[in-house]
Amino acid sequence: MACVNPDGTLTPSALTVLKAVQQAPQKAEVLAESVGLPLFRVRSSLRELREAGLLSETDGMYAITPQGEEALKKQS
């Protein structure tokens, strides 16, 4: 998975996206603008983070899951 390094840590772009979503649930387009990453990269990260169980998605809004919160704690 491109958002997770072989050692289990998050990539810089995945970490940026996850931290931004931690602040408030967001749509991909708004998130891309707020973090300054291309929309294609944000969408890819969101998809992979959701598949990993770190984010949830409802009606296009992405929110952090308890597993995502735990992943952020491990990164600190």
PDB file of N, CA and C in Angstrom:
ATOM      1  N   MET A   1       0.850  -1.173   0.000  1.00  0.00           N
ATOM      2  CA  MET A   1       0.000   0.000   0.000  1.00  0.00           C
ATOM      3  C   MET A   1       0.895   1.235   0.000  1.00  0.00           C
ATOM      4  N   ALA A   2       0.655   2.145  -0.914  1.00  0.00           N
ATOM      5  CA  ALA A   2       1.513   3.305  -1.106  1.00  0.00           C
ATOM      6  C   ALA A   2       1.479   4.288   0.064  1.00  0.00           C
ATOM      7  N   CYS A   3       0.436   4.280   0.867  1.00  0.00           N
ATOM      8  CA  CYS A   3       0.330   5.224   1.989  1.00  0.00           C
ATOM      9  C   CYS A   3       1.036   4.733   3.244  1.00  0.00           C
ATOM     10  N   VAL A   4       1.418   3.471   3.222  1.00  0.00           N
ATOM     11  CA  VAL A   4       2.073   2.896   4.386  1.00  0.00           C
ATOM     12  C   VAL A   4       3.444   2.383   3.964  1.00  0.00           C
ATOM     13  N   ASN A   5       4.477   2.817   4.669  1.00  0.00           N
ATOM     14  CA  ASN A   5       5.832   2.365   4.395  1.00  0.00           C
ATOM     15  C   ASN A   5       6.005   0.913   4.819  1.00  0.00           C
ATOM     16  N   PRO A   6       7.053   0.243   4.316  1.00  0.00           N
ATOM     17  CA  PRO A   6       7.296  -1.152   4.706  1.00  0.00           C
ATOM     18  C   PRO A   6       7.419  -1.360   6.218  1.00  0.00           C
ATOM     19  N   ASP A   7       7.873  -0.332   6.947  1.00  0.00           N
ATOM     20  CA  ASP A   7       8.016  -0.464   8.397  1.00  0.00           C
ATOM     21  C   ASP A   7       6.709  -0.186   9.142  1.00  0.00           C
ATOM     22  N   GLY A   8       5.623   0.076   8.392  1.00  0.00           N
ATOM     23  CA  GLY A   8       4.319   0.302   9.013  1.00  0.00           C
ATOM     24  C   GLY A   8       3.992   1.756   9.291  1.00  0.00           C
ATOM     25  N   THR A   9       4.943   2.655   9.083  1.00  0.00           N
ATOM     26  CA  THR A   9       4.679   4.071   9.282  1.00  0.00           C
ATOM     27  C   THR A   9       3.955   4.647   8.065  1.00  0.00           C
ATOM     28  N   LEU A  10       3.321   5.780   8.252  1.00  0.00           N
ATOM     29  CA  LEU A  10       2.615   6.438   7.167  1.00  0.00           C
ATOM     30  C   LEU A  10       3.567   7.278   6.328  1.00  0.00           C
ATOM     31  N   THR A  11       3.287   7.359   5.034  1.00  0.00           N
ATOM     32  CA  THR A  11       4.069   8.229   4.162  1.00  0.00           C
ATOM     33  C   THR A  11       3.764   9.685   4.512  1.00  0.00           C
ATOM     34  N   PRO A  12       4.636  10.608   4.111  1.00  0.00           N
ATOM     35  CA  PRO A  12       4.377  12.021   4.418  1.00  0.00           C
ATOM     36  C   PRO A  12       3.028  12.517   3.899  1.00  0.00           C
ATOM     37  N   SER A  13       2.643  12.154   2.678  1.00  0.00           N
ATOM     38  CA  SER A  13       1.362  12.643   2.158  1.00  0.00           C
ATOM     39  C   SER A  13       0.194  12.010   2.908  1.00  0.00           C
ATOM     40  N   ALA A  14       0.287  10.734   3.250  1.00  0.00           N
ATOM     41  CA  ALA A  14      -0.776  10.079   4.016  1.00  0.00           C
ATOM     42  C   ALA A  14      -0.902  10.711   5.396  1.00  0.00           C
ATOM     43  N   LEU A  15       0.209  11.018   6.002  1.00  0.00           N
ATOM     44  CA  LEU A  15       0.209  11.647   7.322  1.00  0.00           C
ATOM     45  C   LEU A  15      -0.433  13.034   7.252  1.00  0.00           C
ATOM     46  N   THR A  16      -0.111  13.789   6.208  1.00  0.00           N
ATOM     47  CA  THR A  16      -0.701  15.117   6.022  1.00  0.00           C
ATOM     48  C   THR A  16      -2.212  15.018   5.880  1.00  0.00           C
ATOM     49  N   VAL A  17      -2.668  14.079   5.051  1.00  0.00           N
ATOM     50  CA  VAL A  17      -4.107  13.908   4.819  1.00  0.00           C
ATOM     51  C   VAL A  17      -4.802  13.468   6.102  1.00  0.00           C
ATOM     52  N   LEU A  18      -4.232  12.501   6.791  1.00  0.00           N
ATOM     53  CA  LEU A  18      -4.859  11.982   8.005  1.00  0.00           C
ATOM     54  C   LEU A  18      -4.952  13.065   9.088  1.00  0.00           C
ATOM     55  N   LYS A  19      -3.898  13.859   9.240  1.00  0.00           N
ATOM     56  CA  LYS A  19      -3.932  14.942  10.235  1.00  0.00           C
ATOM     57  C   LYS A  19      -4.991  15.983   9.886  1.00  0.00           C
ATOM     58  N   ALA A  20      -5.126  16.286   8.600  1.00  0.00           N
ATOM     59  CA  ALA A  20      -6.125  17.279   8.186  1.00  0.00           C
ATOM     60  C   ALA A  20      -7.537  16.765   8.446  1.00  0.00           C
ATOM     61  N   VAL A  21      -7.787  15.502   8.164  1.00  0.00           N
ATOM     62  CA  VAL A  21      -9.112  14.925   8.382  1.00  0.00           C
ATOM     63  C   VAL A  21      -9.392  14.784   9.876  1.00  0.00           C
ATOM     64  N   GLN A  22      -8.351  14.661  10.668  1.00  0.00           N
ATOM     65  CA  GLN A  22      -8.526  14.569  12.118  1.00  0.00           C
ATOM     66  C   GLN A  22      -9.165  15.852  12.658  1.00  0.00           C
ATOM     67  N   GLN A  23      -8.856  16.979  12.044  1.00  0.00           N
ATOM     68  CA  GLN A  23      -9.396  18.262  12.493  1.00  0.00           C
ATOM     69  C   GLN A  23     -10.901  18.342  12.272  1.00  0.00           C
ATOM     70  N   ALA A  24     -11.364  17.835  11.116  1.00  0.00           N
ATOM     71  CA  ALA A  24     -12.792  17.853  10.783  1.00  0.00           C
ATOM     72  C   ALA A  24     -13.011  17.007   9.539  1.00  0.00           C
ATOM     73  N   PRO A  25     -14.131  16.293   9.459  1.00  0.00           N
ATOM     74  CA  PRO A  25     -14.442  15.539   8.238  1.00  0.00           C
ATOM     75  C   PRO A  25     -14.458  16.493   7.041  1.00  0.00           C
ATOM     76  N   GLN A  26     -13.920  16.010   5.920  1.00  0.00           N
ATOM     77  CA  GLN A  26     -13.808  16.863   4.751  1.00  0.00           C
ATOM     78  C   GLN A  26     -14.045  16.085   3.467  1.00  0.00           C
ATOM     79  N   LYS A  27     -14.379  16.809   2.410  1.00  0.00           N
ATOM     80  CA  LYS A  27     -14.466  16.240   1.072  1.00  0.00           C
ATOM     81  C   LYS A  27     -13.083  16.326   0.434  1.00  0.00           C
ATOM     82  N   ALA A  28     -12.832  15.468  -0.532  1.00  0.00           N
ATOM     83  CA  ALA A  28     -11.521  15.392  -1.174  1.00  0.00           C
ATOM     84  C   ALA A  28     -11.073  16.731  -1.751  1.00  0.00           C
ATOM     85  N   GLU A  29     -11.962  17.423  -2.443  1.00  0.00           N
ATOM     86  CA  GLU A  29     -11.597  18.687  -3.092  1.00  0.00           C
ATOM     87  C   GLU A  29     -11.186  19.753  -2.080  1.00  0.00           C
ATOM     88  N   VAL A  30     -11.926  19.855  -1.001  1.00  0.00           N
ATOM     89  CA  VAL A  30     -11.614  20.831   0.048  1.00  0.00           C
ATOM     90  C   VAL A  30     -10.305  20.453   0.729  1.00  0.00           C
ATOM     91  N   LEU A  31     -10.134  19.182   0.970  1.00  0.00           N
ATOM     92  CA  LEU A  31      -8.926  18.693   1.622  1.00  0.00           C
ATOM     93  C   LEU A  31      -7.693  18.979   0.768  1.00  0.00           C
ATOM     94  N   ALA A  32      -7.776  18.722  -0.524  1.00  0.00           N
ATOM     95  CA  ALA A  32      -6.646  18.979  -1.427  1.00  0.00           C
ATOM     96  C   ALA A  32      -6.234  20.442  -1.378  1.00  0.00           C
ATOM     97  N   GLU A  33      -7.216  21.310  -1.391  1.00  0.00           N
ATOM     98  CA  GLU A  33      -6.921  22.739  -1.342  1.00  0.00           C
ATOM     99  C   GLU A  33      -6.304  23.129   0.003  1.00  0.00           C
ATOM    100  N   SER A  34      -6.820  22.584   1.090  1.00  0.00           N
ATOM    101  CA  SER A  34      -6.339  22.983   2.417  1.00  0.00           C
ATOM    102  C   SER A  34      -4.932  22.478   2.713  1.00  0.00           C
ATOM    103  N   VAL A  35      -4.550  21.313   2.171  1.00  0.00           N
ATOM    104  CA  VAL A  35      -3.217  20.778   2.460  1.00  0.00           C
ATOM    105  C   VAL A  35      -2.212  21.080   1.351  1.00  0.00           C
ATOM    106  N   GLY A  36      -2.697  21.614   0.222  1.00  0.00           N
ATOM    107  CA  GLY A  36      -1.790  21.998  -0.845  1.00  0.00           C
ATOM    108  C   GLY A  36      -1.233  20.834  -1.645  1.00  0.00           C
ATOM    109  N   LEU A  37      -1.971  19.742  -1.710  1.00  0.00           N
ATOM    110  CA  LEU A  37      -1.557  18.590  -2.515  1.00  0.00           C
ATOM    111  C   LEU A  37      -2.481  18.474  -3.720  1.00  0.00           C
ATOM    112  N   PRO A  38      -1.981  17.891  -4.806  1.00  0.00           N
ATOM    113  CA  PRO A  38      -2.844  17.693  -5.977  1.00  0.00           C
ATOM    114  C   PRO A  38      -4.028  16.788  -5.630  1.00  0.00           C
ATOM    115  N   LEU A  39      -5.172  17.064  -6.244  1.00  0.00           N
ATOM    116  CA  LEU A  39      -6.377  16.301  -5.966  1.00  0.00           C
ATOM    117  C   LEU A  39      -6.182  14.813  -6.232  1.00  0.00           C
ATOM    118  N   PHE A  40      -5.456  14.453  -7.290  1.00  0.00           N
ATOM    119  CA  PHE A  40      -5.251  13.030  -7.583  1.00  0.00           C
ATOM    120  C   PHE A  40      -4.497  12.337  -6.459  1.00  0.00           C
ATOM    121  N   ARG A  41      -3.531  13.031  -5.853  1.00  0.00           N
ATOM    122  CA  ARG A  41      -2.764  12.434  -4.753  1.00  0.00           C
ATOM    123  C   ARG A  41      -3.638  12.298  -3.508  1.00  0.00           C
ATOM    124  N   VAL A  42      -4.454  13.306  -3.239  1.00  0.00           N
ATOM    125  CA  VAL A  42      -5.352  13.262  -2.080  1.00  0.00           C
ATOM    126  C   VAL A  42      -6.367  12.133  -2.257  1.00  0.00           C
ATOM    127  N   ARG A  43      -6.956  12.029  -3.436  1.00  0.00           N
ATOM    128  CA  ARG A  43      -7.933  10.954  -3.670  1.00  0.00           C
ATOM    129  C   ARG A  43      -7.296   9.584  -3.510  1.00  0.00           C
ATOM    130  N   SER A  44      -6.083   9.420  -4.006  1.00  0.00           N
ATOM    131  CA  SER A  44      -5.374   8.151  -3.869  1.00  0.00           C
ATOM    132  C   SER A  44      -5.108   7.848  -2.390  1.00  0.00           C
ATOM    133  N   SER A  45      -4.652   8.848  -1.660  1.00  0.00           N
ATOM    134  CA  SER A  45      -4.381   8.661  -0.228  1.00  0.00           C
ATOM    135  C   SER A  45      -5.661   8.346   0.530  1.00  0.00           C
ATOM    136  N   LEU A  46      -6.731   9.061   0.219  1.00  0.00           N
ATOM    137  CA  LEU A  46      -8.007   8.804   0.898  1.00  0.00           C
ATOM    138  C   LEU A  46      -8.474   7.370   0.646  1.00  0.00           C
ATOM    139  N   ARG A  47      -8.380   6.933  -0.585  1.00  0.00           N
ATOM    140  CA  ARG A  47      -8.797   5.567  -0.926  1.00  0.00           C
ATOM    141  C   ARG A  47      -7.981   4.532  -0.145  1.00  0.00           C
ATOM    142  N   GLU A  48      -6.676   4.721  -0.143  1.00  0.00           N
ATOM    143  CA  GLU A  48      -5.801   3.757   0.537  1.00  0.00           C
ATOM    144  C   GLU A  48      -5.969   3.810   2.055  1.00  0.00           C
ATOM    145  N   LEU A  49      -6.146   4.992   2.604  1.00  0.00           N
ATOM    146  CA  LEU A  49      -6.358   5.110   4.047  1.00  0.00           C
ATOM    147  C   LEU A  49      -7.699   4.497   4.453  1.00  0.00           C
ATOM    148  N   ARG A  50      -8.703   4.643   3.596  1.00  0.00           N
ATOM    149  CA  ARG A  50     -10.007   4.021   3.869  1.00  0.00           C
ATOM    150  C   ARG A  50      -9.881   2.499   3.797  1.00  0.00           C
ATOM    151  N   GLU A  51      -9.185   2.007   2.788  1.00  0.00           N
ATOM    152  CA  GLU A  51      -8.984   0.558   2.653  1.00  0.00           C
ATOM    153  C   GLU A  51      -8.217  -0.020   3.837  1.00  0.00           C
ATOM    154  N   ALA A  52      -7.330   0.783   4.416  1.00  0.00           N
ATOM    155  CA  ALA A  52      -6.546   0.343   5.579  1.00  0.00           C
ATOM    156  C   ALA A  52      -7.330   0.474   6.880  1.00  0.00           C
ATOM    157  N   GLY A  53      -8.541   1.066   6.803  1.00  0.00           N
ATOM    158  CA  GLY A  53      -9.365   1.219   8.002  1.00  0.00           C
ATOM    159  C   GLY A  53      -9.038   2.446   8.832  1.00  0.00           C
ATOM    160  N   LEU A  54      -8.229   3.357   8.274  1.00  0.00           N
ATOM    161  CA  LEU A  54      -7.834   4.545   9.024  1.00  0.00           C
ATOM    162  C   LEU A  54      -8.794   5.717   8.830  1.00  0.00           C
ATOM    163  N   LEU A  55      -9.586   5.646   7.769  1.00  0.00           N
ATOM    164  CA  LEU A  55     -10.607   6.651   7.481  1.00  0.00           C
ATOM    165  C   LEU A  55     -11.913   5.957   7.155  1.00  0.00           C
ATOM    166  N   SER A  56     -12.999   6.676   7.358  1.00  0.00           N
ATOM    167  CA  SER A  56     -14.313   6.216   6.895  1.00  0.00           C
ATOM    168  C   SER A  56     -14.830   7.262   5.921  1.00  0.00           C
ATOM    169  N   GLU A  57     -15.769   6.858   5.066  1.00  0.00           N
ATOM    170  CA  GLU A  57     -16.329   7.773   4.084  1.00  0.00           C
ATOM    171  C   GLU A  57     -17.835   7.620   4.058  1.00  0.00           C
ATOM    172  N   THR A  58     -18.524   8.736   4.172  1.00  0.00           N
ATOM    173  CA  THR A  58     -19.980   8.770   4.093  1.00  0.00           C
ATOM    174  C   THR A  58     -20.382   9.956   3.230  1.00  0.00           C
ATOM    175  N   ASP A  59     -21.072   9.681   2.144  1.00  0.00           N
ATOM    176  CA  ASP A  59     -21.538  10.729   1.235  1.00  0.00           C
ATOM    177  C   ASP A  59     -20.427  11.677   0.800  1.00  0.00           C
ATOM    178  N   GLY A  60     -19.248  11.132   0.536  1.00  0.00           N
ATOM    179  CA  GLY A  60     -18.133  11.944   0.062  1.00  0.00           C
ATOM    180  C   GLY A  60     -17.361  12.671   1.136  1.00  0.00           C
ATOM    181  N   MET A  61     -17.757  12.509   2.400  1.00  0.00           N
ATOM    182  CA  MET A  61     -17.046  13.132   3.521  1.00  0.00           C
ATOM    183  C   MET A  61     -16.171  12.084   4.193  1.00  0.00           C
ATOM    184  N   TYR A  62     -14.921  12.431   4.382  1.00  0.00           N
ATOM    185  CA  TYR A  62     -13.969  11.514   5.002  1.00  0.00           C
ATOM    186  C   TYR A  62     -13.729  11.916   6.440  1.00  0.00           C
ATOM    187  N   ALA A  63     -13.722  10.912   7.326  1.00  0.00           N
ATOM    188  CA  ALA A  63     -13.507  11.144   8.757  1.00  0.00           C
ATOM    189  C   ALA A  63     -12.517  10.109   9.274  1.00  0.00           C
ATOM    190  N   ILE A  64     -11.790  10.481  10.284  1.00  0.00           N
ATOM    191  CA  ILE A  64     -10.806   9.565  10.867  1.00  0.00           C
ATOM    192  C   ILE A  64     -11.518   8.519  11.724  1.00  0.00           C
ATOM    193  N   THR A  65     -10.978   7.315  11.738  1.00  0.00           N
ATOM    194  CA  THR A  65     -11.514   6.222  12.550  1.00  0.00           C
ATOM    195  C   THR A  65     -10.657   6.077  13.806  1.00  0.00           C
ATOM    196  N   PRO A  66     -11.103   5.285  14.766  1.00  0.00           N
ATOM    197  CA  PRO A  66     -10.253   5.031  15.935  1.00  0.00           C
ATOM    198  C   PRO A  66      -8.888   4.439  15.546  1.00  0.00           C
ATOM    199  N   GLN A  67      -8.862   3.596  14.515  1.00  0.00           N
ATOM    200  CA  GLN A  67      -7.574   3.044  14.045  1.00  0.00           C
ATOM    201  C   GLN A  67      -6.693   4.151  13.479  1.00  0.00           C
ATOM    202  N   GLY A  68      -7.308   5.125  12.812  1.00  0.00           N
ATOM    203  CA  GLY A  68      -6.562   6.266  12.293  1.00  0.00           C
ATOM    204  C   GLY A  68      -5.984   7.111  13.409  1.00  0.00           C
ATOM    205  N   GLU A  69      -6.761   7.320  14.444  1.00  0.00           N
ATOM    206  CA  GLU A  69      -6.273   8.062  15.620  1.00  0.00           C
ATOM    207  C   GLU A  69      -5.068   7.343  16.224  1.00  0.00           C
ATOM    208  N   GLU A  70      -5.174   6.028  16.314  1.00  0.00           N
ATOM    209  CA  GLU A  70      -4.080   5.229  16.881  1.00  0.00           C
ATOM    210  C   GLU A  70      -2.832   5.321  15.996  1.00  0.00           C
ATOM    211  N   ALA A  71      -3.013   5.290  14.685  1.00  0.00           N
ATOM    212  CA  ALA A  71      -1.885   5.405  13.762  1.00  0.00           C
ATOM    213  C   ALA A  71      -1.178   6.750  13.934  1.00  0.00           C
ATOM    214  N   LEU A  72      -1.940   7.810  14.127  1.00  0.00           N
ATOM    215  CA  LEU A  72      -1.336   9.125  14.356  1.00  0.00           C
ATOM    216  C   LEU A  72      -0.562   9.166  15.658  1.00  0.00           C
ATOM    217  N   LYS A  73      -1.079   8.542  16.693  1.00  0.00           N
ATOM    218  CA  LYS A  73      -0.363   8.502  17.983  1.00  0.00           C
ATOM    219  C   LYS A  73       0.979   7.789  17.827  1.00  0.00           C
ATOM    220  N   LYS A  74       0.995   6.726  17.046  1.00  0.00           N
ATOM    221  CA  LYS A  74       2.235   5.962  16.826  1.00  0.00           C
ATOM    222  C   LYS A  74       3.253   6.762  16.030  1.00  0.00           C
ATOM    223  N   GLN A  75       2.794   7.667  15.174  1.00  0.00           N
ATOM    224  CA  GLN A  75       3.695   8.475  14.349  1.00  0.00           C
ATOM    225  C   GLN A  75       4.382   9.573  15.167  1.00  0.00           C
ATOM    226  N   SER A  76       3.800   9.950  16.288  1.00  0.00           N
ATOM    227  CA  SER A  76       4.346  11.073  17.081  1.00  0.00           C
ATOM    228  C   SER A  76       5.592  10.692  17.811  1.00  0.00           C
TER     229      SER A  76
END
